[in-house]
Amino acid sequence: MIILKLFFYGTMFLKFVMFALFENDVVGFVTIVQALSIGVSIGYLHIQALAVKKEFQLRGVGTKLLRHTENYAKELGITSIILCSGFKRTDAHAFYEHNGYDKDSYCFDKIINLD
């Protein structure tokens, strides 16, 4: 049986991590930040990371983590969840689309040289 546990952290914005446990071993997690949005006072949830151990993939763990995140958004009155996924992660893209997420934007990043 997979058990999900929710932990809150941070002070300025709502941040949390949810762990999927199997026999007291972490087999998956999702990290979430509540972000600000113009025109939507409560903002949206941003999934920063979602990972499931290889041997637990295709067993519903990732879907459970998404569903619990979605239910938590509903409790907060939040109607939008976004996430970014690298171009080459086609298996992850199929997983998100299978779970009702639309591919509708690009994410951009920039590495900052600290020298």
Protein backbone atom coordinates (compact mmCIF):
# COMPACT_ATOMS: atom_id res chain seq x y z
CA MET A 1 0.00 0.00 0.00
CA ILE A 2 1.26 3.45 -0.94
CA ILE A 3 0.87 6.12 1.77
CA LEU A 4 1.01 9.83 0.94
CA LYS A 5 2.35 12.34 3.49
CA LEU A 6 2.18 16.12 3.14
CA PHE A 7 4.76 18.50 4.61
CA PHE A 8 4.70 22.32 4.51
CA TYR A 9 7.77 24.54 4.41
CA GLY A 10 8.65 28.15 3.63
CA THR A 11 7.24 31.41 4.91
CA MET A 12 6.57 33.89 2.08
CA PHE A 13 4.58 31.60 -0.22
CA LEU A 14 2.79 28.36 0.42
CA LYS A 15 5.25 25.58 -0.37
CA PHE A 16 4.86 21.91 0.23
CA VAL A 17 6.22 18.51 -0.62
CA MET A 18 4.19 15.33 -0.70
CA PHE A 19 5.91 11.96 -0.34
CA ALA A 20 4.67 8.58 -1.50
CA LEU A 21 5.85 5.93 0.96
CA PHE A 22 5.99 2.16 0.56
CA GLU A 23 7.04 0.23 3.67
CA ASN A 24 8.52 3.47 5.12
CA ASP A 25 10.64 4.05 1.97
CA VAL A 26 10.11 7.16 -0.16
CA VAL A 27 9.13 5.92 -3.62
CA GLY A 28 7.94 9.22 -5.06
CA PHE A 29 7.44 12.90 -4.32
CA VAL A 30 5.97 16.11 -5.68
CA THR A 31 7.08 19.62 -4.67
CA ILE A 32 4.62 22.50 -5.09
CA VAL A 33 4.73 26.29 -4.71
CA GLN A 34 1.72 28.56 -4.64
CA ALA A 35 2.66 31.37 -7.03
CA LEU A 36 1.26 34.84 -7.61
CA SER A 37 -0.71 35.68 -10.71
CA ILE A 38 -1.98 38.95 -12.17
CA GLY A 39 -5.76 38.96 -12.27
CA VAL A 40 -6.13 35.91 -10.01
CA SER A 41 -5.84 36.95 -6.39
CA ILE A 42 -5.19 33.45 -5.02
CA GLY A 43 -2.67 32.59 -7.76
CA TYR A 44 -1.91 29.10 -9.00
CA LEU A 45 0.05 26.02 -7.96
CA HIS A 46 3.36 25.34 -9.68
CA ILE A 47 4.63 21.79 -9.62
CA GLN A 48 8.38 22.23 -9.34
CA ALA A 49 9.25 18.53 -9.36
CA LEU A 50 7.53 15.17 -9.54
CA ALA A 51 9.52 11.95 -9.45
CA VAL A 52 8.78 8.27 -8.87
CA LYS A 53 11.38 5.53 -8.42
CA LYS A 54 11.74 3.49 -11.61
CA GLU A 55 10.46 0.27 -10.04
CA PHE A 56 7.27 2.04 -8.88
CA GLN A 57 6.48 3.74 -12.18
CA LEU A 58 3.36 2.56 -14.04
CA ARG A 59 1.81 1.58 -10.68
CA GLY A 60 -0.29 4.70 -10.12
CA VAL A 61 2.08 6.48 -7.73
CA GLY A 62 2.59 9.55 -9.92
CA THR A 63 -1.12 9.78 -10.66
CA LYS A 64 -1.92 9.62 -6.93
CA LEU A 65 0.55 12.44 -6.28
CA LEU A 66 -1.08 14.55 -9.00
CA ARG A 67 -4.61 13.82 -7.73
CA HIS A 68 -3.71 14.78 -4.17
CA THR A 69 -2.12 17.98 -5.49
CA GLU A 70 -5.28 18.74 -7.49
CA ASN A 71 -7.52 18.06 -4.49
CA TYR A 72 -5.38 20.33 -2.35
CA ALA A 73 -5.69 23.08 -4.99
CA LYS A 74 -9.49 22.68 -4.81
CA GLU A 75 -9.40 23.05 -1.03
CA LEU A 76 -7.51 26.34 -1.46
CA GLY A 77 -9.87 27.55 -4.19
CA ILE A 78 -7.08 27.42 -6.78
CA THR A 79 -8.18 26.53 -10.30
CA SER A 80 -4.85 26.30 -12.15
CA ILE A 81 -1.80 24.06 -11.84
CA ILE A 82 1.23 24.47 -14.10
CA LEU A 83 4.45 22.53 -14.54
CA CYS A 84 7.42 22.50 -16.89
CA SER A 85 9.00 19.45 -18.49
CA GLY A 86 12.08 19.23 -20.71
CA PHE A 87 11.62 18.72 -24.46
CA LYS A 88 13.23 15.26 -24.42
CA ARG A 89 11.07 13.89 -21.58
CA THR A 90 8.43 12.46 -23.91
CA ASP A 91 7.39 9.71 -21.46
CA ALA A 92 6.70 12.39 -18.85
CA HIS A 93 4.74 14.42 -21.42
CA ALA A 94 2.56 11.40 -22.20
CA PHE A 95 2.01 10.84 -18.46
CA TYR A 96 0.89 14.44 -17.88
CA GLU A 97 -1.37 14.45 -20.94
CA HIS A 98 -2.88 11.12 -19.83
CA ASN A 99 -3.68 12.83 -16.53
CA GLY A 100 -5.49 15.74 -18.22
CA TYR A 101 -2.70 18.32 -18.46
CA ASP A 102 -2.49 20.36 -21.67
CA LYS A 103 0.72 21.24 -23.49
CA ASP A 104 0.15 24.97 -23.92
CA SER A 105 3.33 26.95 -23.29
CA TYR A 106 7.11 26.99 -23.25
CA CYS A 107 9.27 27.29 -20.16
CA PHE A 108 12.46 29.30 -20.40
CA ASP A 109 15.52 29.17 -18.21
CA LYS A 110 18.88 30.85 -18.06
CA ILE A 111 22.04 29.79 -16.27
CA ILE A 112 23.57 32.72 -14.35
CA ASN A 113 27.37 32.78 -14.21
CA LEU A 114 28.40 33.60 -10.63
CA ASP A 115 31.94 34.67 -11.55
